[in-house]
Amino acid sequence: MAKSEPKKKCFIIMPINTPIDHIERYKGDKDHFTHVLEHLFIPALEDAGFEPVSPKSTGSDVIQAEIIKQLSECQLVLCDISILNPNVFFEFGIRTALDKPVALVIDDTTESIPFDTSIINFHKYGSLEVHTLEKEKQALTKHVQEAYKKSKDHNALWKYFGVAQTGTFKPEDAELGEKIDIIMGKLFAIEMEQKKSGDKSLTEIFHQKFERKRQEEANQEQEEYRTKILRLAAEKSINEANIRASQKSKVERDESQEPDSNNP
């Protein structure tokens, strides 16, 4: 029996968090884009025959290098430009530079569309209400399939502008010093933003996280020790009960074997 070919992968680039100033727009749903990902994008991509690659990993955000790798290697990218998130456009630009297919989507609450992307066929999705969700999923599935089929493994913007030179993904060319400079620059920018907003410094935050982690580990050790003591106490009680039952059974057995003094 021939092995079935592995599914093509589709990397999803989209807003991960719902900004505070957009929560009211999404009917107070603080996790709006998480719900879009889980209930619309992933099921629609699976129905379209793709293996979805989520924009975030369990426990932590996907690091930038991994994002670039997915943008380079996945056969398709589903790009949600809702709320015009800068990070999404940055990743969309990288995908375009690599001349790789993109299925572009936007929600029906985002009014304006940047001029450069308006030349690409995009799909507008709406509410995630129960009575409309299945219809939304079917429409998105169709859009993804058509976008990939029409792309012929190329990016639609390239056809429009007639670009001739493709970008390449070569992480081995990046020097260690350059990577460290980028990391330090990002940390400095984060700390400056926090100071402006009156928040605690990055050092204080890291210290708090370390202390919290250490306290969690200590609590876990105490809980494990407590569980061990309770288990040993339970085992001891069971053993003592078994011993008493065995002794009682022996006494009863001995008494039953004694001769009846009333019988001659």
C-alpha atoms as a PDB file:
ATOM      1  CA  MET A   1       0.000   0.000   0.000  1.00  0.00           C
ATOM      2  CA  ALA A   2       1.494   3.345  -1.096  1.00  0.00           C
ATOM      3  CA  LYS A   3       2.145   5.941   1.564  1.00  0.00           C
ATOM      4  CA  SER A   4      -0.037   9.025   1.384  1.00  0.00           C
ATOM      5  CA  GLU A   5       1.774  12.283   0.721  1.00  0.00           C
ATOM      6  CA  PRO A   6       2.222  14.567   3.750  1.00  0.00           C
ATOM      7  CA  LYS A   7      -0.147  17.511   3.948  1.00  0.00           C
ATOM      8  CA  LYS A   8       1.044  20.871   2.714  1.00  0.00           C
ATOM      9  CA  LYS A   9       1.703  23.295   5.562  1.00  0.00           C
ATOM     10  CA  CYS A  10       0.064  26.692   5.956  1.00  0.00           C
ATOM     11  CA  PHE A  11       1.634  29.177   8.369  1.00  0.00           C
ATOM     12  CA  ILE A  12      -0.817  31.598   9.956  1.00  0.00           C
ATOM     13  CA  ILE A  13       0.249  35.217  10.497  1.00  0.00           C
ATOM     14  CA  MET A  14      -2.271  37.315  12.385  1.00  0.00           C
ATOM     15  CA  PRO A  15      -2.684  39.542  15.449  1.00  0.00           C
ATOM     16  CA  ILE A  16      -2.040  37.313  18.466  1.00  0.00           C
ATOM     17  CA  ASN A  17      -3.442  39.610  21.142  1.00  0.00           C
ATOM     18  CA  THR A  18      -6.533  41.781  21.001  1.00  0.00           C
ATOM     19  CA  PRO A  19      -5.518  45.407  21.756  1.00  0.00           C
ATOM     20  CA  ILE A  20      -7.423  47.071  24.581  1.00  0.00           C
ATOM     21  CA  ASP A  21      -8.746  49.808  22.295  1.00  0.00           C
ATOM     22  CA  HIS A  22     -10.248  47.140  19.977  1.00  0.00           C
ATOM     23  CA  ILE A  23     -12.004  45.019  22.609  1.00  0.00           C
ATOM     24  CA  GLU A  24     -15.252  47.001  22.397  1.00  0.00           C
ATOM     25  CA  ARG A  25     -15.255  46.525  18.611  1.00  0.00           C
ATOM     26  CA  TYR A  26     -15.217  42.773  19.207  1.00  0.00           C
ATOM     27  CA  LYS A  27     -18.121  42.827  21.664  1.00  0.00           C
ATOM     28  CA  GLY A  28     -15.904  42.785  24.745  1.00  0.00           C
ATOM     29  CA  ASP A  29     -14.051  39.632  23.710  1.00  0.00           C
ATOM     30  CA  LYS A  30     -10.512  40.038  25.114  1.00  0.00           C
ATOM     31  CA  ASP A  31      -9.406  36.825  23.359  1.00  0.00           C
ATOM     32  CA  HIS A  32     -11.063  37.586  20.032  1.00  0.00           C
ATOM     33  CA  PHE A  33      -8.138  36.644  17.787  1.00  0.00           C
ATOM     34  CA  THR A  34      -7.456  33.478  19.767  1.00  0.00           C
ATOM     35  CA  HIS A  35     -11.043  32.467  19.079  1.00  0.00           C
ATOM     36  CA  VAL A  36     -10.669  33.365  15.390  1.00  0.00           C
ATOM     37  CA  LEU A  37      -7.591  31.147  15.209  1.00  0.00           C
ATOM     38  CA  GLU A  38      -9.102  28.166  17.028  1.00  0.00           C
ATOM     39  CA  HIS A  39     -12.660  28.215  15.692  1.00  0.00           C
ATOM     40  CA  LEU A  40     -12.245  29.591  12.158  1.00  0.00           C
ATOM     41  CA  PHE A  41      -8.720  29.563  10.734  1.00  0.00           C
ATOM     42  CA  ILE A  42      -7.494  26.154  11.907  1.00  0.00           C
ATOM     43  CA  PRO A  43     -10.707  24.220  11.012  1.00  0.00           C
ATOM     44  CA  ALA A  44     -10.947  25.973   7.603  1.00  0.00           C
ATOM     45  CA  LEU A  45      -7.325  25.188   6.744  1.00  0.00           C
ATOM     46  CA  GLU A  46      -7.756  21.559   7.737  1.00  0.00           C
ATOM     47  CA  ASP A  47     -10.851  21.313   5.527  1.00  0.00           C
ATOM     48  CA  ALA A  48      -8.826  22.880   2.697  1.00  0.00           C
ATOM     49  CA  GLY A  49      -6.286  20.067   3.006  1.00  0.00           C
ATOM     50  CA  PHE A  50      -3.520  21.957   4.806  1.00  0.00           C
ATOM     51  CA  GLU A  51      -1.713  21.348   8.067  1.00  0.00           C
ATOM     52  CA  PRO A  52      -2.095  24.612  10.028  1.00  0.00           C
ATOM     53  CA  VAL A  53       1.031  26.033  11.670  1.00  0.00           C
ATOM     54  CA  SER A  54      -0.060  28.248  14.544  1.00  0.00           C
ATOM     55  CA  PRO A  55       1.542  31.674  15.038  1.00  0.00           C
ATOM     56  CA  LYS A  56       2.248  30.840  18.671  1.00  0.00           C
ATOM     57  CA  SER A  57       3.546  27.843  20.552  1.00  0.00           C
ATOM     58  CA  THR A  58       2.388  26.398  23.847  1.00  0.00           C
ATOM     59  CA  GLY A  59       3.947  28.198  26.771  1.00  0.00           C
ATOM     60  CA  SER A  60       5.734  30.952  24.867  1.00  0.00           C
ATOM     61  CA  ASP A  61       5.657  33.033  21.725  1.00  0.00           C
ATOM     62  CA  VAL A  62       7.414  31.602  18.694  1.00  0.00           C
ATOM     63  CA  ILE A  63      10.837  33.289  18.412  1.00  0.00           C
ATOM     64  CA  GLN A  64      11.516  35.506  15.402  1.00  0.00           C
ATOM     65  CA  ALA A  65      13.915  33.021  13.780  1.00  0.00           C
ATOM     66  CA  GLU A  66      11.223  30.342  13.824  1.00  0.00           C
ATOM     67  CA  ILE A  67       8.736  32.761  12.251  1.00  0.00           C
ATOM     68  CA  ILE A  68      11.161  33.511   9.419  1.00  0.00           C
ATOM     69  CA  LYS A  69      11.728  29.795   8.917  1.00  0.00           C
ATOM     70  CA  GLN A  70       8.002  29.114   8.644  1.00  0.00           C
ATOM     71  CA  LEU A  71       7.553  32.050   6.265  1.00  0.00           C
ATOM     72  CA  SER A  72      10.244  30.542   4.070  1.00  0.00           C
ATOM     73  CA  GLU A  73       9.347  26.858   4.164  1.00  0.00           C
ATOM     74  CA  CYS A  74       5.539  26.565   4.375  1.00  0.00           C
ATOM     75  CA  GLN A  75       3.740  26.037   1.077  1.00  0.00           C
ATOM     76  CA  LEU A  76       1.128  28.689   1.955  1.00  0.00           C
ATOM     77  CA  VAL A  77       0.682  31.564   4.383  1.00  0.00           C
ATOM     78  CA  LEU A  78      -2.715  32.679   5.646  1.00  0.00           C
ATOM     79  CA  CYS A  79      -2.305  36.384   6.410  1.00  0.00           C
ATOM     80  CA  ASP A  80      -4.916  38.217   8.485  1.00  0.00           C
ATOM     81  CA  ILE A  81      -4.410  41.979   8.140  1.00  0.00           C
ATOM     82  CA  SER A  82      -7.287  42.847  10.482  1.00  0.00           C
ATOM     83  CA  ILE A  83      -6.627  45.922  12.684  1.00  0.00           C
ATOM     84  CA  LEU A  84      -3.587  46.581  10.415  1.00  0.00           C
ATOM     85  CA  ASN A  85      -1.110  45.029  12.857  1.00  0.00           C
ATOM     86  CA  PRO A  86       2.492  46.166  12.077  1.00  0.00           C
ATOM     87  CA  ASN A  87       4.041  42.779  12.890  1.00  0.00           C
ATOM     88  CA  VAL A  88       1.680  41.079  10.465  1.00  0.00           C
ATOM     89  CA  PHE A  89       2.654  43.470   7.666  1.00  0.00           C
ATOM     90  CA  PHE A  90       6.344  42.930   8.437  1.00  0.00           C
ATOM     91  CA  GLU A  91       5.899  39.157   8.095  1.00  0.00           C
ATOM     92  CA  PHE A  92       3.718  39.638   5.004  1.00  0.00           C
ATOM     93  CA  GLY A  93       6.550  41.687   3.477  1.00  0.00           C
ATOM     94  CA  ILE A  94       9.063  38.911   4.121  1.00  0.00           C
ATOM     95  CA  ARG A  95       6.784  36.344   2.523  1.00  0.00           C
ATOM     96  CA  THR A  96       6.346  38.621  -0.492  1.00  0.00           C
ATOM     97  CA  ALA A  97      10.116  39.074  -0.817  1.00  0.00           C
ATOM     98  CA  LEU A  98      10.454  35.286  -0.959  1.00  0.00           C
ATOM     99  CA  ASP A  99       7.861  35.133  -3.783  1.00  0.00           C
ATOM    100  CA  LYS A 100       5.735  32.577  -1.944  1.00  0.00           C
ATOM    101  CA  PRO A 101       1.903  32.192  -2.041  1.00  0.00           C
ATOM    102  CA  VAL A 102      -0.297  34.102   0.404  1.00  0.00           C
ATOM    103  CA  ALA A 103      -4.027  33.830   1.127  1.00  0.00           C
ATOM    104  CA  LEU A 104      -5.026  37.263   2.399  1.00  0.00           C
ATOM    105  CA  VAL A 105      -7.964  37.793   4.787  1.00  0.00           C
ATOM    106  CA  ILE A 106      -9.419  40.666   6.795  1.00  0.00           C
ATOM    107  CA  ASP A 107     -12.349  40.962   9.171  1.00  0.00           C
ATOM    108  CA  ASP A 108     -15.449  43.004   8.414  1.00  0.00           C
ATOM    109  CA  THR A 109     -14.720  45.532  11.197  1.00  0.00           C
ATOM    110  CA  THR A 110     -11.484  46.790   9.612  1.00  0.00           C
ATOM    111  CA  GLU A 111     -12.651  49.611   7.370  1.00  0.00           C
ATOM    112  CA  SER A 112      -9.580  50.695   5.401  1.00  0.00           C
ATOM    113  CA  ILE A 113      -7.212  48.497   3.420  1.00  0.00           C
ATOM    114  CA  PRO A 114      -3.627  49.585   2.624  1.00  0.00           C
ATOM    115  CA  PHE A 115      -3.283  50.522  -1.050  1.00  0.00           C
ATOM    116  CA  ASP A 116      -0.600  47.952  -1.932  1.00  0.00           C
ATOM    117  CA  THR A 117      -2.622  44.998  -0.682  1.00  0.00           C
ATOM    118  CA  SER A 118      -5.842  46.147  -2.347  1.00  0.00           C
ATOM    119  CA  ILE A 119      -4.568  44.744  -5.643  1.00  0.00           C
ATOM    120  CA  ILE A 120      -4.579  41.215  -4.202  1.00  0.00           C
ATOM    121  CA  ASN A 121      -7.701  39.108  -3.993  1.00  0.00           C
ATOM    122  CA  PHE A 122      -8.600  38.986  -0.312  1.00  0.00           C
ATOM    123  CA  HIS A 123     -11.382  37.379   1.707  1.00  0.00           C
ATOM    124  CA  LYS A 124     -13.440  39.261   4.265  1.00  0.00           C
ATOM    125  CA  TYR A 125     -14.679  37.196   7.197  1.00  0.00           C
ATOM    126  CA  GLY A 126     -17.373  38.154   9.663  1.00  0.00           C
ATOM    127  CA  SER A 127     -18.940  37.087  12.928  1.00  0.00           C
ATOM    128  CA  LEU A 128     -18.048  33.934  14.842  1.00  0.00           C
ATOM    129  CA  GLU A 129     -21.625  33.521  16.016  1.00  0.00           C
ATOM    130  CA  VAL A 130     -22.810  29.917  16.214  1.00  0.00           C
ATOM    131  CA  HIS A 131     -25.409  30.332  13.467  1.00  0.00           C
ATOM    132  CA  THR A 132     -22.870  31.820  10.997  1.00  0.00           C
ATOM    133  CA  LEU A 133     -19.623  30.054  11.920  1.00  0.00           C
ATOM    134  CA  GLU A 134     -20.066  27.059   9.616  1.00  0.00           C
ATOM    135  CA  LYS A 135     -20.812  29.339   6.671  1.00  0.00           C
ATOM    136  CA  GLU A 136     -17.761  31.479   7.471  1.00  0.00           C
ATOM    137  CA  LYS A 137     -15.584  28.373   7.672  1.00  0.00           C
ATOM    138  CA  GLN A 138     -16.783  27.059   4.299  1.00  0.00           C
ATOM    139  CA  ALA A 139     -16.179  30.418   2.614  1.00  0.00           C
ATOM    140  CA  LEU A 140     -12.656  30.666   4.039  1.00  0.00           C
ATOM    141  CA  THR A 141     -11.869  27.086   3.006  1.00  0.00           C
ATOM    142  CA  LYS A 142     -12.858  27.922  -0.574  1.00  0.00           C
ATOM    143  CA  HIS A 143     -10.775  31.117  -0.556  1.00  0.00           C
ATOM    144  CA  VAL A 144      -7.677  29.276   0.708  1.00  0.00           C
ATOM    145  CA  GLN A 145      -7.993  26.553  -1.925  1.00  0.00           C
ATOM    146  CA  GLU A 146      -8.492  29.058  -4.751  1.00  0.00           C
ATOM    147  CA  ALA A 147      -5.671  31.331  -3.586  1.00  0.00           C
ATOM    148  CA  TYR A 148      -3.214  28.454  -3.520  1.00  0.00           C
ATOM    149  CA  LYS A 149      -4.361  27.043  -6.860  1.00  0.00           C
ATOM    150  CA  LYS A 150      -4.129  30.411  -8.645  1.00  0.00           C
ATOM    151  CA  SER A 151      -0.763  31.273  -7.121  1.00  0.00           C
ATOM    152  CA  LYS A 152       1.136  28.467  -8.895  1.00  0.00           C
ATOM    153  CA  ASP A 153       3.649  28.662  -6.031  1.00  0.00           C
ATOM    154  CA  HIS A 154       4.251  32.409  -6.528  1.00  0.00           C
ATOM    155  CA  ASN A 155       3.217  35.636  -4.811  1.00  0.00           C
ATOM    156  CA  ALA A 156       0.482  37.751  -6.389  1.00  0.00           C
ATOM    157  CA  LEU A 157       2.332  41.027  -5.746  1.00  0.00           C
ATOM    158  CA  TRP A 158       5.220  39.823  -7.891  1.00  0.00           C
ATOM    159  CA  LYS A 159       2.919  39.366 -10.858  1.00  0.00           C
ATOM    160  CA  TYR A 160       1.598  42.909 -10.426  1.00  0.00           C
ATOM    161  CA  PHE A 161       4.914  44.711  -9.987  1.00  0.00           C
ATOM    162  CA  GLY A 162       7.003  42.429 -12.191  1.00  0.00           C
ATOM    163  CA  VAL A 163       9.741  41.964  -9.576  1.00  0.00           C
ATOM    164  CA  ALA A 164      12.561  39.761 -10.870  1.00  0.00           C
ATOM    165  CA  GLN A 165      14.855  38.988  -7.898  1.00  0.00           C
ATOM    166  CA  THR A 166      13.726  36.662  -5.121  1.00  0.00           C
ATOM    167  CA  GLY A 167      14.852  36.929  -1.520  1.00  0.00           C
ATOM    168  CA  THR A 168      16.561  33.939   0.098  1.00  0.00           C
ATOM    169  CA  PHE A 169      16.493  32.618   3.650  1.00  0.00           C
ATOM    170  CA  LYS A 170      20.080  32.079   4.890  1.00  0.00           C
ATOM    171  CA  PRO A 171      20.188  32.171   8.706  1.00  0.00           C
ATOM    172  CA  GLU A 172      23.746  30.803   8.660  1.00  0.00           C
ATOM    173  CA  ASP A 173      24.945  34.116   7.188  1.00  0.00           C
ATOM    174  CA  ALA A 174      23.926  36.083  10.293  1.00  0.00           C
ATOM    175  CA  GLU A 175      26.843  36.823  12.640  1.00  0.00           C
ATOM    176  CA  LEU A 176      26.486  36.073  16.374  1.00  0.00           C
ATOM    177  CA  GLY A 177      27.297  39.682  17.242  1.00  0.00           C
ATOM    178  CA  GLU A 178      24.501  40.920  15.000  1.00  0.00           C
ATOM    179  CA  LYS A 179      22.017  38.590  16.671  1.00  0.00           C
ATOM    180  CA  ILE A 180      23.082  39.765  20.136  1.00  0.00           C
ATOM    181  CA  ASP A 181      22.799  43.410  19.052  1.00  0.00           C
ATOM    182  CA  ILE A 182      19.244  42.799  17.857  1.00  0.00           C
ATOM    183  CA  ILE A 183      18.279  41.067  21.118  1.00  0.00           C
ATOM    184  CA  MET A 184      19.810  43.808  23.271  1.00  0.00           C
ATOM    185  CA  GLY A 185      18.139  46.462  21.143  1.00  0.00           C
ATOM    186  CA  LYS A 186      14.755  44.830  21.643  1.00  0.00           C
ATOM    187  CA  LEU A 187      15.294  44.521  25.410  1.00  0.00           C
ATOM    188  CA  PHE A 188      16.340  48.174  25.636  1.00  0.00           C
ATOM    189  CA  ALA A 189      13.278  49.274  23.650  1.00  0.00           C
ATOM    190  CA  ILE A 190      10.979  47.257  25.927  1.00  0.00           C
ATOM    191  CA  GLU A 191      12.555  48.730  29.051  1.00  0.00           C
ATOM    192  CA  MET A 192      12.263  52.283  27.715  1.00  0.00           C
ATOM    193  CA  GLU A 193       8.583  51.769  26.919  1.00  0.00           C
ATOM    194  CA  GLN A 194       7.961  50.411  30.400  1.00  0.00           C
ATOM    195  CA  LYS A 195       9.717  53.375  32.023  1.00  0.00           C
ATOM    196  CA  LYS A 196       7.635  55.803  29.952  1.00  0.00           C
ATOM    197  CA  SER A 197       4.436  54.143  31.070  1.00  0.00           C
ATOM    198  CA  GLY A 198       5.541  54.171  34.707  1.00  0.00           C
ATOM    199  CA  ASP A 199       5.893  50.398  34.875  1.00  0.00           C
ATOM    200  CA  LYS A 200       8.712  48.582  36.647  1.00  0.00           C
ATOM    201  CA  SER A 201      12.058  48.128  34.952  1.00  0.00           C
ATOM    202  CA  LEU A 202      12.879  45.019  32.959  1.00  0.00           C
ATOM    203  CA  THR A 203      15.359  43.950  35.636  1.00  0.00           C
ATOM    204  CA  GLU A 204      12.685  44.159  38.322  1.00  0.00           C
ATOM    205  CA  ILE A 205      10.268  42.172  36.165  1.00  0.00           C
ATOM    206  CA  PHE A 206      12.844  39.440  35.540  1.00  0.00           C
ATOM    207  CA  HIS A 207      13.637  39.351  39.271  1.00  0.00           C
ATOM    208  CA  GLN A 208       9.956  39.019  40.129  1.00  0.00           C
ATOM    209  CA  LYS A 209       9.517  36.246  37.572  1.00  0.00           C
ATOM    210  CA  PHE A 210      12.547  34.419  39.000  1.00  0.00           C
ATOM    211  CA  GLU A 211      11.252  34.724  42.560  1.00  0.00           C
ATOM    212  CA  ARG A 212       7.789  33.608  41.487  1.00  0.00           C
ATOM    213  CA  LYS A 213       9.255  30.614  39.668  1.00  0.00           C
ATOM    214  CA  ARG A 214      11.360  29.709  42.700  1.00  0.00           C
ATOM    215  CA  GLN A 215       8.332  29.985  44.980  1.00  0.00           C
ATOM    216  CA  GLU A 216       6.282  27.806  42.615  1.00  0.00           C
ATOM    217  CA  GLU A 217       9.015  25.158  42.661  1.00  0.00           C
ATOM    218  CA  ALA A 218       9.195  25.317  46.474  1.00  0.00           C
ATOM    219  CA  ASN A 219       5.416  24.953  46.725  1.00  0.00           C
ATOM    220  CA  GLN A 220       5.545  22.013  44.337  1.00  0.00           C
ATOM    221  CA  GLU A 221       8.243  20.319  46.438  1.00  0.00           C
ATOM    222  CA  GLN A 222       6.170  20.849  49.595  1.00  0.00           C
ATOM    223  CA  GLU A 223       3.099  19.425  47.882  1.00  0.00           C
ATOM    224  CA  GLU A 224       5.053  16.396  46.655  1.00  0.00           C
ATOM    225  CA  TYR A 225       6.455  15.848  50.173  1.00  0.00           C
ATOM    226  CA  ARG A 226       2.977  16.171  51.683  1.00  0.00           C
ATOM    227  CA  THR A 227       1.585  13.710  49.148  1.00  0.00           C
ATOM    228  CA  LYS A 228       4.400  11.268  49.922  1.00  0.00           C
ATOM    229  CA  ILE A 229       3.726  11.477  53.700  1.00  0.00           C
ATOM    230  CA  LEU A 230       0.003  10.915  53.166  1.00  0.00           C
ATOM    231  CA  ARG A 231       0.707   7.954  50.896  1.00  0.00           C
ATOM    232  CA  LEU A 232       3.072   6.383  53.458  1.00  0.00           C
ATOM    233  CA  ALA A 233       0.535   6.959  56.235  1.00  0.00           C
ATOM    234  CA  ALA A 234      -2.185   5.353  54.125  1.00  0.00           C
ATOM    235  CA  GLU A 235       0.050   2.369  53.333  1.00  0.00           C
ATOM    236  CA  LYS A 236       0.879   1.990  57.036  1.00  0.00           C
ATOM    237  CA  SER A 237      -2.810   2.048  57.973  1.00  0.00           C
ATOM    238  CA  ILE A 238      -3.613  -0.546  55.317  1.00  0.00           C
ATOM    239  CA  ASN A 239      -0.774  -2.820  56.493  1.00  0.00           C
ATOM    240  CA  GLU A 240      -1.884  -2.528  60.130  1.00  0.00           C
ATOM    241  CA  ALA A 241      -5.458  -3.303  59.132  1.00  0.00           C
ATOM    242  CA  ASN A 242      -4.285  -6.351  57.162  1.00  0.00           C
ATOM    243  CA  ILE A 243      -2.231  -7.562  60.132  1.00  0.00           C
ATOM    244  CA  ARG A 244      -5.208  -7.190  62.516  1.00  0.00           C
ATOM    245  CA  ALA A 245      -7.465  -8.984  60.070  1.00  0.00           C
ATOM    246  CA  SER A 246      -4.918 -11.781  59.693  1.00  0.00           C
ATOM    247  CA  GLN A 247      -4.549 -12.143  63.467  1.00  0.00           C
ATOM    248  CA  LYS A 248      -8.301 -12.191  63.962  1.00  0.00           C
ATOM    249  CA  SER A 249      -8.688 -14.787  61.242  1.00  0.00           C
ATOM    250  CA  LYS A 250      -6.008 -16.950  62.917  1.00  0.00           C
ATOM    251  CA  VAL A 251      -7.696 -16.724  66.323  1.00  0.00           C
ATOM    252  CA  GLU A 252     -11.041 -17.678  64.829  1.00  0.00           C
ATOM    253  CA  ARG A 253      -9.434 -20.583  62.971  1.00  0.00           C
ATOM    254  CA  ASP A 254      -7.691 -21.833  66.137  1.00  0.00           C
ATOM    255  CA  GLU A 255     -10.917 -21.609  68.130  1.00  0.00           C
ATOM    256  CA  SER A 256     -12.788 -23.602  65.511  1.00  0.00           C
ATOM    257  CA  GLN A 257     -10.167 -26.352  65.696  1.00  0.00           C
ATOM    258  CA  GLU A 258     -10.338 -26.752  69.564  1.00  0.00           C
ATOM    259  CA  PRO A 259     -12.278 -29.920  70.730  1.00  0.00           C
ATOM    260  CA  ASP A 260     -15.718 -29.335  72.181  1.00  0.00           C
ATOM    261  CA  SER A 261     -15.435 -30.040  75.950  1.00  0.00           C
ATOM    262  CA  ASN A 262     -19.123 -30.928  76.126  1.00  0.00           C
ATOM    263  CA  ASN A 263     -18.661 -33.902  73.810  1.00  0.00           C
ATOM    264  CA  PRO A 264     -17.267 -37.070  75.517  1.00  0.00           C
END
